[in-house]
Amino acid sequence: MVEPGEDLRLGRIVIPASELEWRFSSSGGPGGQHANTSNTRAEVAFDIAGSPSLSPTIRERLVAKLGQEVAVTSSEHRSQYQNRRAALQRLEAVLRSALVVPRKRVATRPTLGSQERRLDDKRQQSDRKAARRRPVRGDD
């Protein structure tokens, strides 16, 4: 569980809390006096391009998938602390999904049986269409 103020750990990658930029504002929607006076909405931003804690290859992959900076907000909870935790969890999920390396496609060839089936189907379709045509009168 990610706690606000702690470093963000993504496997072997550690992003120090000092690299995360926090902004707080009032949440929208109903709530009366509490909602009007509390800055409970939390937004966390992470500058991917300027982060010294990322290796160049990881930085390139993240910038290619997410852009120079990624920002995540949370305002579903009544307390700022819970919204900070939720925003950190979302940021962690976004970064983890962007770090997944796609598998390389292995080129395969059609099997002999599938090639024969395809040609048989083509022949049958051709015969079907030929049967619909008018017979050609030949001078026998």
N, C-alpha and C. Protein backbone atom coordinates (compact mmCIF):
# COMPACT_ATOMS: atom_id res chain seq x y z
N MET A 1 0.85 -1.18 0.00
CA MET A 1 0.00 0.00 0.00
C MET A 1 0.90 1.24 0.00
N VAL A 2 0.61 2.13 -0.89
CA VAL A 2 1.40 3.36 -1.02
C VAL A 2 0.85 4.38 -0.03
N GLU A 3 1.75 4.97 0.72
CA GLU A 3 1.36 6.01 1.69
C GLU A 3 1.91 7.36 1.23
N PRO A 4 1.16 8.43 1.41
CA PRO A 4 1.65 9.76 1.06
C PRO A 4 2.92 10.08 1.85
N GLY A 5 3.88 10.68 1.19
CA GLY A 5 5.13 11.04 1.83
C GLY A 5 6.21 9.99 1.66
N GLU A 6 5.82 8.79 1.25
CA GLU A 6 6.80 7.73 1.03
C GLU A 6 7.23 7.73 -0.44
N ASP A 7 8.36 7.06 -0.68
CA ASP A 7 8.82 6.91 -2.05
C ASP A 7 7.89 5.96 -2.79
N LEU A 8 7.72 6.20 -4.08
CA LEU A 8 6.88 5.35 -4.92
C LEU A 8 7.74 4.23 -5.49
N ARG A 9 7.39 2.99 -5.18
CA ARG A 9 8.19 1.83 -5.61
C ARG A 9 7.45 1.07 -6.68
N LEU A 10 8.13 0.90 -7.82
CA LEU A 10 7.60 0.13 -8.94
C LEU A 10 8.58 -0.99 -9.24
N GLY A 11 8.55 -2.03 -8.45
CA GLY A 11 9.52 -3.10 -8.60
C GLY A 11 10.88 -2.60 -8.16
N ARG A 12 11.86 -2.63 -9.07
CA ARG A 12 13.21 -2.16 -8.74
C ARG A 12 13.35 -0.65 -8.91
N ILE A 13 12.36 -0.02 -9.50
CA ILE A 13 12.40 1.43 -9.73
C ILE A 13 11.83 2.13 -8.50
N VAL A 14 12.57 3.11 -7.99
CA VAL A 14 12.11 3.88 -6.84
C VAL A 14 12.05 5.35 -7.25
N ILE A 15 10.86 5.94 -7.10
CA ILE A 15 10.69 7.36 -7.40
C ILE A 15 10.58 8.08 -6.06
N PRO A 16 11.54 8.94 -5.72
CA PRO A 16 11.51 9.64 -4.43
C PRO A 16 10.29 10.55 -4.33
N ALA A 17 9.79 10.69 -3.12
CA ALA A 17 8.63 11.55 -2.88
C ALA A 17 8.93 12.99 -3.27
N SER A 18 10.21 13.39 -3.24
CA SER A 18 10.58 14.76 -3.59
C SER A 18 10.35 15.07 -5.07
N GLU A 19 10.24 14.03 -5.92
CA GLU A 19 10.01 14.25 -7.35
C GLU A 19 8.53 14.36 -7.70
N LEU A 20 7.67 14.11 -6.72
CA LEU A 20 6.23 14.20 -6.94
C LEU A 20 5.75 15.59 -6.53
N GLU A 21 4.98 16.22 -7.40
CA GLU A 21 4.48 17.57 -7.12
C GLU A 21 2.99 17.47 -6.77
N TRP A 22 2.62 17.98 -5.61
CA TRP A 22 1.24 17.90 -5.14
C TRP A 22 0.55 19.25 -5.27
N ARG A 23 -0.74 19.20 -5.62
CA ARG A 23 -1.61 20.39 -5.63
C ARG A 23 -2.92 19.98 -4.98
N PHE A 24 -3.49 20.87 -4.19
CA PHE A 24 -4.75 20.59 -3.52
C PHE A 24 -5.74 21.69 -3.82
N SER A 25 -7.01 21.30 -3.97
CA SER A 25 -8.06 22.28 -4.21
C SER A 25 -9.35 21.72 -3.64
N SER A 26 -10.38 22.54 -3.66
CA SER A 26 -11.66 22.08 -3.12
C SER A 26 -12.34 21.16 -4.12
N SER A 27 -12.94 20.12 -3.60
CA SER A 27 -13.66 19.18 -4.46
C SER A 27 -14.97 19.80 -4.90
N GLY A 28 -15.43 19.38 -6.05
CA GLY A 28 -16.71 19.88 -6.53
C GLY A 28 -17.86 19.09 -5.93
N GLY A 29 -19.07 19.49 -6.24
CA GLY A 29 -20.24 18.75 -5.80
C GLY A 29 -20.77 19.23 -4.47
N PRO A 30 -21.83 18.55 -3.98
CA PRO A 30 -22.46 18.95 -2.72
C PRO A 30 -21.58 18.59 -1.52
N GLY A 31 -21.90 19.17 -0.38
CA GLY A 31 -21.15 18.84 0.82
C GLY A 31 -21.27 19.91 1.88
N GLY A 32 -21.85 21.03 1.54
CA GLY A 32 -22.09 22.07 2.54
C GLY A 32 -20.83 22.74 3.01
N GLN A 33 -20.82 23.10 4.27
CA GLN A 33 -19.74 23.90 4.83
C GLN A 33 -18.39 23.18 4.78
N HIS A 34 -18.39 21.88 5.06
CA HIS A 34 -17.13 21.13 5.04
C HIS A 34 -16.49 21.17 3.65
N ALA A 35 -17.30 20.91 2.62
CA ALA A 35 -16.77 20.86 1.26
C ALA A 35 -16.32 22.25 0.79
N ASN A 36 -17.00 23.27 1.28
CA ASN A 36 -16.67 24.63 0.84
C ASN A 36 -15.39 25.15 1.48
N THR A 37 -15.03 24.61 2.63
CA THR A 37 -13.87 25.15 3.35
C THR A 37 -12.64 24.25 3.31
N SER A 38 -12.75 23.03 2.75
CA SER A 38 -11.64 22.08 2.78
C SER A 38 -11.06 21.86 1.39
N ASN A 39 -9.76 21.84 1.32
CA ASN A 39 -9.08 21.51 0.07
C ASN A 39 -8.76 20.01 0.08
N THR A 40 -9.76 19.21 -0.29
CA THR A 40 -9.60 17.76 -0.19
C THR A 40 -9.22 17.11 -1.52
N ARG A 41 -9.45 17.78 -2.63
CA ARG A 41 -9.09 17.21 -3.92
C ARG A 41 -7.57 17.23 -4.06
N ALA A 42 -7.00 16.06 -4.40
CA ALA A 42 -5.54 15.96 -4.50
C ALA A 42 -5.14 15.65 -5.94
N GLU A 43 -4.12 16.35 -6.40
CA GLU A 43 -3.55 16.10 -7.72
C GLU A 43 -2.05 15.90 -7.56
N VAL A 44 -1.56 14.79 -8.10
CA VAL A 44 -0.12 14.52 -8.04
C VAL A 44 0.41 14.52 -9.47
N ALA A 45 1.53 15.20 -9.68
CA ALA A 45 2.16 15.28 -11.00
C ALA A 45 3.58 14.74 -10.89
N PHE A 46 4.01 14.07 -11.95
CA PHE A 46 5.36 13.51 -11.99
C PHE A 46 5.99 13.90 -13.31
N ASP A 47 7.13 14.60 -13.24
CA ASP A 47 7.86 15.03 -14.43
C ASP A 47 8.75 13.88 -14.89
N ILE A 48 8.27 13.14 -15.88
CA ILE A 48 8.99 11.95 -16.36
C ILE A 48 10.30 12.36 -17.02
N ALA A 49 10.23 13.35 -17.89
CA ALA A 49 11.40 13.75 -18.67
C ALA A 49 12.52 14.30 -17.78
N GLY A 50 12.17 14.95 -16.68
CA GLY A 50 13.19 15.56 -15.83
C GLY A 50 13.56 14.74 -14.61
N SER A 51 13.13 13.50 -14.55
CA SER A 51 13.39 12.67 -13.37
C SER A 51 14.77 12.04 -13.41
N PRO A 52 15.62 12.34 -12.43
CA PRO A 52 16.94 11.71 -12.39
C PRO A 52 16.91 10.28 -11.86
N SER A 53 15.79 9.85 -11.28
CA SER A 53 15.73 8.51 -10.69
C SER A 53 15.40 7.43 -11.72
N LEU A 54 15.08 7.83 -12.95
CA LEU A 54 14.75 6.85 -13.99
C LEU A 54 15.95 6.65 -14.91
N SER A 55 16.13 5.40 -15.34
CA SER A 55 17.20 5.13 -16.31
C SER A 55 16.76 5.66 -17.68
N PRO A 56 17.69 5.93 -18.57
CA PRO A 56 17.32 6.49 -19.88
C PRO A 56 16.34 5.61 -20.67
N THR A 57 16.49 4.29 -20.62
CA THR A 57 15.59 3.42 -21.38
C THR A 57 14.18 3.46 -20.81
N ILE A 58 14.06 3.44 -19.49
CA ILE A 58 12.74 3.50 -18.86
C ILE A 58 12.12 4.86 -19.11
N ARG A 59 12.93 5.92 -19.01
CA ARG A 59 12.43 7.27 -19.26
C ARG A 59 11.88 7.39 -20.69
N GLU A 60 12.62 6.86 -21.66
CA GLU A 60 12.16 6.92 -23.06
C GLU A 60 10.84 6.18 -23.24
N ARG A 61 10.73 5.00 -22.63
CA ARG A 61 9.50 4.22 -22.76
C ARG A 61 8.32 4.96 -22.14
N LEU A 62 8.51 5.55 -20.95
CA LEU A 62 7.42 6.27 -20.29
C LEU A 62 7.04 7.53 -21.06
N VAL A 63 8.03 8.27 -21.56
CA VAL A 63 7.72 9.49 -22.32
C VAL A 63 6.98 9.13 -23.60
N ALA A 64 7.37 8.03 -24.25
CA ALA A 64 6.70 7.62 -25.48
C ALA A 64 5.24 7.25 -25.23
N LYS A 65 4.97 6.63 -24.08
CA LYS A 65 3.60 6.19 -23.80
C LYS A 65 2.75 7.24 -23.08
N LEU A 66 3.37 8.04 -22.19
CA LEU A 66 2.59 8.95 -21.34
C LEU A 66 2.84 10.43 -21.60
N GLY A 67 3.94 10.75 -22.26
CA GLY A 67 4.27 12.15 -22.47
C GLY A 67 5.31 12.62 -21.46
N GLN A 68 5.65 13.91 -21.51
CA GLN A 68 6.70 14.48 -20.67
C GLN A 68 6.34 14.44 -19.18
N GLU A 69 5.06 14.65 -18.88
CA GLU A 69 4.60 14.70 -17.49
C GLU A 69 3.28 13.97 -17.38
N VAL A 70 3.07 13.30 -16.25
CA VAL A 70 1.81 12.61 -16.01
C VAL A 70 1.21 13.19 -14.72
N ALA A 71 -0.10 13.46 -14.75
CA ALA A 71 -0.80 14.00 -13.59
C ALA A 71 -2.06 13.17 -13.33
N VAL A 72 -2.32 12.92 -12.06
CA VAL A 72 -3.47 12.11 -11.66
C VAL A 72 -4.19 12.85 -10.53
N THR A 73 -5.52 12.84 -10.56
CA THR A 73 -6.28 13.51 -9.50
C THR A 73 -7.20 12.52 -8.80
N SER A 74 -7.61 12.89 -7.60
CA SER A 74 -8.57 12.10 -6.84
C SER A 74 -9.39 13.05 -5.99
N SER A 75 -10.70 12.89 -6.04
CA SER A 75 -11.57 13.73 -5.21
C SER A 75 -12.77 12.95 -4.69
N GLU A 76 -12.69 11.61 -4.72
CA GLU A 76 -13.86 10.84 -4.32
C GLU A 76 -14.02 10.68 -2.81
N HIS A 77 -12.97 10.98 -2.04
CA HIS A 77 -13.04 10.82 -0.59
C HIS A 77 -13.24 12.18 0.08
N ARG A 78 -13.68 12.13 1.34
CA ARG A 78 -13.92 13.37 2.09
C ARG A 78 -12.64 13.95 2.67
N SER A 79 -11.62 13.12 2.85
CA SER A 79 -10.39 13.63 3.47
C SER A 79 -9.27 13.77 2.44
N GLN A 80 -8.42 14.74 2.66
CA GLN A 80 -7.29 14.97 1.77
C GLN A 80 -6.34 13.78 1.80
N TYR A 81 -6.13 13.21 2.98
CA TYR A 81 -5.22 12.08 3.12
C TYR A 81 -5.67 10.90 2.26
N GLN A 82 -6.95 10.57 2.32
CA GLN A 82 -7.46 9.45 1.51
C GLN A 82 -7.36 9.75 0.03
N ASN A 83 -7.60 11.00 -0.36
CA ASN A 83 -7.47 11.37 -1.77
C ASN A 83 -6.01 11.32 -2.21
N ARG A 84 -5.08 11.66 -1.32
CA ARG A 84 -3.65 11.55 -1.66
C ARG A 84 -3.27 10.09 -1.88
N ARG A 85 -3.77 9.21 -1.02
CA ARG A 85 -3.48 7.77 -1.18
C ARG A 85 -4.06 7.26 -2.50
N ALA A 86 -5.30 7.65 -2.80
CA ALA A 86 -5.95 7.20 -4.04
C ALA A 86 -5.20 7.72 -5.26
N ALA A 87 -4.75 8.98 -5.21
CA ALA A 87 -4.02 9.55 -6.35
C ALA A 87 -2.68 8.83 -6.54
N LEU A 88 -2.00 8.50 -5.44
CA LEU A 88 -0.74 7.76 -5.55
C LEU A 88 -0.95 6.37 -6.13
N GLN A 89 -2.03 5.72 -5.71
CA GLN A 89 -2.32 4.39 -6.25
C GLN A 89 -2.61 4.45 -7.74
N ARG A 90 -3.35 5.48 -8.16
CA ARG A 90 -3.62 5.65 -9.59
C ARG A 90 -2.35 5.93 -10.37
N LEU A 91 -1.50 6.79 -9.83
CA LEU A 91 -0.23 7.09 -10.50
C LEU A 91 0.61 5.83 -10.62
N GLU A 92 0.65 5.04 -9.55
CA GLU A 92 1.40 3.79 -9.58
C GLU A 92 0.85 2.85 -10.66
N ALA A 93 -0.47 2.75 -10.77
CA ALA A 93 -1.09 1.88 -11.77
C ALA A 93 -0.78 2.36 -13.19
N VAL A 94 -0.83 3.68 -13.40
CA VAL A 94 -0.55 4.24 -14.73
C VAL A 94 0.90 3.96 -15.12
N LEU A 95 1.82 4.19 -14.19
CA LEU A 95 3.23 3.97 -14.48
C LEU A 95 3.53 2.49 -14.70
N ARG A 96 2.94 1.62 -13.88
CA ARG A 96 3.16 0.17 -14.04
C ARG A 96 2.67 -0.31 -15.41
N SER A 97 1.49 0.15 -15.82
CA SER A 97 0.96 -0.29 -17.12
C SER A 97 1.80 0.23 -18.27
N ALA A 98 2.39 1.42 -18.11
CA ALA A 98 3.23 1.98 -19.18
C ALA A 98 4.59 1.30 -19.23
N LEU A 99 5.01 0.69 -18.13
CA LEU A 99 6.32 0.03 -18.09
C LEU A 99 6.30 -1.38 -18.69
N VAL A 100 5.11 -1.92 -18.93
CA VAL A 100 5.01 -3.28 -19.47
C VAL A 100 5.56 -3.27 -20.90
N VAL A 101 6.51 -4.16 -21.15
CA VAL A 101 7.12 -4.25 -22.47
C VAL A 101 6.26 -5.20 -23.31
N PRO A 102 5.76 -4.74 -24.46
CA PRO A 102 4.94 -5.63 -25.29
C PRO A 102 5.77 -6.78 -25.85
N ARG A 103 5.14 -7.93 -25.94
CA ARG A 103 5.83 -9.09 -26.49
C ARG A 103 6.02 -8.90 -27.99
N LYS A 104 7.15 -9.42 -28.49
CA LYS A 104 7.39 -9.35 -29.92
C LYS A 104 6.61 -10.45 -30.60
N ARG A 105 6.02 -10.12 -31.72
CA ARG A 105 5.24 -11.09 -32.47
C ARG A 105 6.19 -12.03 -33.19
N VAL A 106 5.89 -13.32 -33.07
CA VAL A 106 6.68 -14.32 -33.75
C VAL A 106 5.98 -14.64 -35.06
N ALA A 107 6.68 -14.45 -36.18
CA ALA A 107 6.09 -14.71 -37.49
C ALA A 107 5.89 -16.20 -37.67
N THR A 108 4.69 -16.57 -38.11
CA THR A 108 4.39 -17.99 -38.36
C THR A 108 3.96 -18.16 -39.80
N ARG A 109 4.04 -19.39 -40.27
CA ARG A 109 3.62 -19.68 -41.64
C ARG A 109 2.35 -20.49 -41.58
N PRO A 110 1.47 -20.34 -42.58
CA PRO A 110 0.27 -21.15 -42.61
C PRO A 110 0.64 -22.63 -42.78
N THR A 111 -0.11 -23.49 -42.10
CA THR A 111 0.17 -24.91 -42.22
C THR A 111 -0.26 -25.41 -43.60
N LEU A 112 0.26 -26.56 -43.98
CA LEU A 112 -0.09 -27.14 -45.28
C LEU A 112 -1.58 -27.42 -45.36
N GLY A 113 -2.13 -27.96 -44.26
CA GLY A 113 -3.56 -28.26 -44.23
C GLY A 113 -4.42 -27.02 -44.40
N SER A 114 -4.03 -25.90 -43.74
CA SER A 114 -4.82 -24.68 -43.86
C SER A 114 -4.73 -24.11 -45.28
N GLN A 115 -3.57 -24.24 -45.92
CA GLN A 115 -3.44 -23.77 -47.30
C GLN A 115 -4.34 -24.59 -48.23
N GLU A 116 -4.36 -25.92 -48.04
CA GLU A 116 -5.21 -26.78 -48.87
C GLU A 116 -6.68 -26.46 -48.65
N ARG A 117 -7.09 -26.25 -47.39
CA ARG A 117 -8.49 -25.90 -47.11
C ARG A 117 -8.86 -24.59 -47.77
N ARG A 118 -7.96 -23.60 -47.72
CA ARG A 118 -8.23 -22.31 -48.34
C ARG A 118 -8.41 -22.47 -49.85
N LEU A 119 -7.55 -23.24 -50.50
CA LEU A 119 -7.66 -23.43 -51.95
C LEU A 119 -8.92 -24.22 -52.31
N ASP A 120 -9.28 -25.23 -51.47
CA ASP A 120 -10.52 -25.98 -51.71
C ASP A 120 -11.73 -25.06 -51.61
N ASP A 121 -11.74 -24.20 -50.59
CA ASP A 121 -12.86 -23.26 -50.43
C ASP A 121 -12.94 -22.31 -51.62
N LYS A 122 -11.78 -21.86 -52.11
CA LYS A 122 -11.78 -20.97 -53.27
C LYS A 122 -12.35 -21.69 -54.49
N ARG A 123 -11.95 -22.96 -54.67
CA ARG A 123 -12.47 -23.72 -55.82
C ARG A 123 -13.97 -23.91 -55.72
N GLN A 124 -14.46 -24.24 -54.53
CA GLN A 124 -15.90 -24.44 -54.34
C GLN A 124 -16.66 -23.14 -54.59
N GLN A 125 -16.13 -22.03 -54.10
CA GLN A 125 -16.78 -20.73 -54.33
C GLN A 125 -16.80 -20.41 -55.82
N SER A 126 -15.72 -20.71 -56.51
CA SER A 126 -15.64 -20.47 -57.95
C SER A 126 -16.67 -21.32 -58.69
N ASP A 127 -16.78 -22.59 -58.30
CA ASP A 127 -17.77 -23.48 -58.93
C ASP A 127 -19.18 -22.97 -58.69
N ARG A 128 -19.46 -22.52 -57.47
CA ARG A 128 -20.79 -22.00 -57.13
C ARG A 128 -21.13 -20.81 -58.03
N LYS A 129 -20.19 -19.90 -58.18
CA LYS A 129 -20.45 -18.71 -59.00
C LYS A 129 -20.55 -19.09 -60.48
N ALA A 130 -19.77 -20.06 -60.92
CA ALA A 130 -19.82 -20.49 -62.32
C ALA A 130 -21.19 -21.11 -62.62
N ALA A 131 -21.77 -21.79 -61.64
CA ALA A 131 -23.08 -22.42 -61.85
C ALA A 131 -24.18 -21.37 -62.00
N ARG A 132 -23.98 -20.18 -61.51
CA ARG A 132 -24.99 -19.12 -61.62
C ARG A 132 -24.96 -18.45 -62.98
N ARG A 133 -23.87 -18.57 -63.69
CA ARG A 133 -23.74 -17.90 -64.99
C ARG A 133 -24.57 -18.62 -66.03
N ARG A 134 -24.88 -17.87 -67.12
CA ARG A 134 -25.59 -18.50 -68.23
C ARG A 134 -24.64 -19.44 -68.95
N PRO A 135 -25.18 -20.55 -69.38
CA PRO A 135 -24.31 -21.47 -70.13
C PRO A 135 -23.89 -20.83 -71.45
N VAL A 136 -22.68 -21.07 -71.85
CA VAL A 136 -22.15 -20.53 -73.09
C VAL A 136 -22.46 -21.52 -74.19
N ARG A 137 -23.07 -21.03 -75.30
CA ARG A 137 -23.40 -21.91 -76.42
C ARG A 137 -22.15 -22.13 -77.24
N GLY A 138 -21.86 -23.34 -77.41
CA GLY A 138 -20.68 -23.66 -78.20
C GLY A 138 -21.09 -24.19 -79.56
N ASP A 139 -20.31 -23.95 -80.59
CA ASP A 139 -20.58 -24.49 -81.92
C ASP A 139 -19.91 -25.83 -82.02
N ASP A 140 -20.63 -26.88 -81.62
CA ASP A 140 -20.04 -28.22 -81.63
C ASP A 140 -20.14 -28.83 -82.97
